[in-house]
Amino acid sequence: NNEIVLSKAMSGAGGLNMLREAYENKVPVEGKVAETCKGGFRVKMMHRKVFCPVSQIDTSFVEDAEAFKSSSRTGTGKAREAFMQDVQPDAVMEGKVTKLMPFGAFVELTPGVEGMVHISELSWSRSAKPEDIVQPG
C-alpha cells in the first residue's frame, strides 16, 4: 500500500531484457529516430540503436522518410507538434478512420496524430462491432 515500486534498468541487460519481453508479448515500444538508412531507420531505444523498416514507422505510406528524423521538424513532425500544442480538452474534431479493432476504431486527426475511439463512443445505440458503425477511410 505505501510501497515504492522500482522498474528495471532502462540500460544494460535490463533494457535488452525489456525489449525481448516486449517483442515476445507483442507490446508496442517507442524510440527516437536517429537517422535514415537503407530500407528504414536507425532508432534509439533504451540506450540502444535498433533498425525499423520504413514500412513499420507509420500506419500509412511514408513518402518523406526524413520527416521522421528526430532532428527534423518538417512535414509530419511539425504538423504533429502544432496539433498537440493547439488541441483543447473536450474538443470535437473530424478525423479519418484508419483501422478497426474489436474494441473500437483508430482515427487519424492530423498527419502523424492518431487516436482510438472506444466502441461505446462510436454511436448512441449499442453495437456489437465497430464495423457496423464506421469503415476505414
Protein backbone atom coordinates (compact mmCIF):
# COMPACT_ATOMS: atom_id res chain seq x y z
CA ASN A 1 0.00 0.00 0.00
CA ASN A 2 2.70 2.53 0.90
CA GLU A 3 5.39 0.79 -1.11
CA ILE A 4 7.63 2.18 -3.81
CA VAL A 5 7.89 0.02 -6.92
CA LEU A 6 11.11 0.34 -8.91
CA SER A 7 11.31 -0.54 -12.58
CA LYS A 8 14.06 -2.49 -14.31
CA ALA A 9 17.10 -0.57 -15.50
CA MET A 10 16.50 1.02 -18.90
CA SER A 11 20.08 0.44 -19.99
CA GLY A 12 22.40 -2.52 -20.00
CA ALA A 13 20.96 -6.02 -19.64
CA GLY A 14 17.71 -4.69 -18.18
CA GLY A 15 16.98 -2.72 -21.35
CA LEU A 16 17.76 -5.69 -23.57
CA ASN A 17 15.54 -7.94 -21.47
CA MET A 18 12.73 -5.38 -21.60
CA LEU A 19 12.97 -5.22 -25.41
CA ARG A 20 12.92 -9.02 -25.60
CA GLU A 21 9.87 -9.19 -23.28
CA ALA A 22 8.07 -6.53 -25.33
CA TYR A 23 8.77 -8.49 -28.52
CA GLU A 24 7.62 -11.81 -27.03
CA ASN A 25 4.44 -10.25 -25.62
CA LYS A 26 3.76 -8.14 -28.75
CA VAL A 27 3.85 -4.93 -26.72
CA PRO A 28 4.49 -1.74 -28.74
CA VAL A 29 7.64 0.19 -27.83
CA GLU A 30 8.73 3.76 -28.51
CA GLY A 31 12.04 5.11 -29.70
CA LYS A 32 13.59 8.17 -31.28
CA VAL A 33 14.59 8.12 -34.95
CA ALA A 34 18.31 8.91 -35.08
CA GLU A 35 18.88 8.63 -38.83
CA THR A 36 17.61 7.15 -42.05
CA CYS A 37 19.39 4.18 -43.61
CA LYS A 38 18.82 1.79 -46.50
CA GLY A 39 15.33 0.35 -46.11
CA GLY A 40 14.36 2.22 -42.98
CA PHE A 41 15.62 3.96 -39.87
CA ARG A 42 18.12 3.62 -37.05
CA VAL A 43 16.13 4.22 -33.89
CA LYS A 44 17.49 4.94 -30.40
CA MET A 45 15.61 2.90 -27.85
CA MET A 46 16.63 2.19 -24.27
CA HIS A 47 20.21 3.31 -24.92
CA ARG A 48 20.47 1.00 -27.94
CA LYS A 49 20.29 1.57 -31.69
CA VAL A 50 17.77 -0.65 -33.42
CA PHE A 51 16.54 -0.94 -37.01
CA CYS A 52 12.97 -0.11 -38.02
CA PRO A 53 11.85 -0.88 -41.60
CA VAL A 54 10.24 2.09 -43.37
CA SER A 55 7.03 0.04 -43.71
CA GLN A 56 6.74 -0.15 -39.90
CA ILE A 57 7.34 3.50 -38.98
CA ASP A 58 3.77 4.67 -39.63
CA THR A 59 0.30 3.30 -40.28
CA SER A 60 0.19 4.88 -43.73
CA PHE A 61 2.61 5.01 -46.68
CA VAL A 62 5.72 7.10 -45.99
CA GLU A 63 6.83 9.38 -48.82
CA ASP A 64 9.34 11.53 -46.91
CA ALA A 65 11.46 9.41 -44.58
CA GLU A 66 13.44 12.49 -43.49
CA ALA A 67 10.32 13.87 -41.76
CA PHE A 68 10.66 11.13 -39.13
CA LYS A 69 14.20 12.05 -38.06
CA SER A 70 14.26 13.48 -34.53
CA SER A 71 16.36 16.43 -35.62
CA SER A 72 13.97 17.16 -38.49
CA ARG A 73 10.91 19.22 -37.61
CA THR A 74 9.39 19.44 -41.06
CA GLY A 75 6.30 17.88 -42.59
CA THR A 76 4.56 15.43 -40.32
CA GLY A 77 6.67 16.30 -37.26
CA LYS A 78 5.82 19.98 -37.48
CA ALA A 79 2.11 19.29 -38.07
CA ARG A 80 2.03 16.92 -35.09
CA GLU A 81 3.72 19.44 -32.79
CA ALA A 82 1.32 22.20 -33.87
CA PHE A 83 -1.69 19.94 -33.33
CA MET A 84 -0.56 18.84 -29.87
CA GLN A 85 0.06 22.45 -28.85
CA ASP A 86 -3.31 23.73 -30.09
CA VAL A 87 -5.69 20.88 -29.19
CA GLN A 88 -8.00 21.55 -26.25
CA PRO A 89 -9.63 19.06 -23.85
CA ASP A 90 -13.18 18.08 -24.93
CA ALA A 91 -12.60 19.41 -28.47
CA VAL A 92 -14.91 17.95 -31.13
CA MET A 93 -12.92 17.10 -34.24
CA GLU A 94 -13.26 15.38 -37.58
CA GLY A 95 -10.93 12.55 -38.47
CA LYS A 96 -10.37 9.67 -40.85
CA VAL A 97 -10.87 6.08 -39.66
CA THR A 98 -7.62 4.21 -40.33
CA LYS A 99 -8.17 0.85 -38.61
CA LEU A 100 -10.88 -1.14 -36.88
CA MET A 101 -10.35 -3.34 -33.83
CA PRO A 102 -12.89 -5.34 -31.76
CA PHE A 103 -12.79 -2.63 -29.06
CA GLY A 104 -13.08 0.46 -31.30
CA ALA A 105 -11.63 2.44 -34.20
CA PHE A 106 -8.33 4.23 -34.74
CA VAL A 107 -8.82 7.70 -36.22
CA GLU A 108 -6.23 9.98 -37.83
CA LEU A 109 -6.85 13.53 -36.57
CA THR A 110 -3.99 15.17 -38.45
CA PRO A 111 -0.93 13.67 -40.19
CA GLY A 112 1.13 11.94 -37.52
CA VAL A 113 -1.60 12.04 -34.85
CA GLU A 114 -3.93 9.11 -34.37
CA GLY A 115 -6.37 8.39 -31.58
CA MET A 116 -8.55 5.48 -30.55
CA VAL A 117 -12.31 5.85 -30.22
CA HIS A 118 -13.83 3.18 -27.96
CA ILE A 119 -16.79 1.28 -29.37
CA SER A 120 -19.04 2.76 -26.68
CA GLU A 121 -18.26 6.26 -28.07
CA LEU A 122 -18.96 5.45 -31.73
CA SER A 123 -22.75 5.60 -31.56
CA TRP A 124 -25.65 6.49 -29.31
CA SER A 125 -27.06 2.99 -29.76
CA ARG A 126 -25.38 -0.17 -28.57
CA SER A 127 -23.44 -2.05 -31.23
CA ALA A 128 -21.55 -5.31 -31.09
CA LYS A 129 -18.94 -4.39 -33.70
CA PRO A 130 -17.24 -1.16 -34.82
CA GLU A 131 -17.61 -2.16 -38.49
CA ASP A 132 -21.41 -1.91 -38.02
CA ILE A 133 -20.91 1.84 -37.42
CA VAL A 134 -17.77 3.06 -39.25
CA GLN A 135 -15.44 1.91 -42.03
CA PRO A 136 -11.78 2.75 -42.77
CA GLY A 137 -11.44 5.84 -44.93
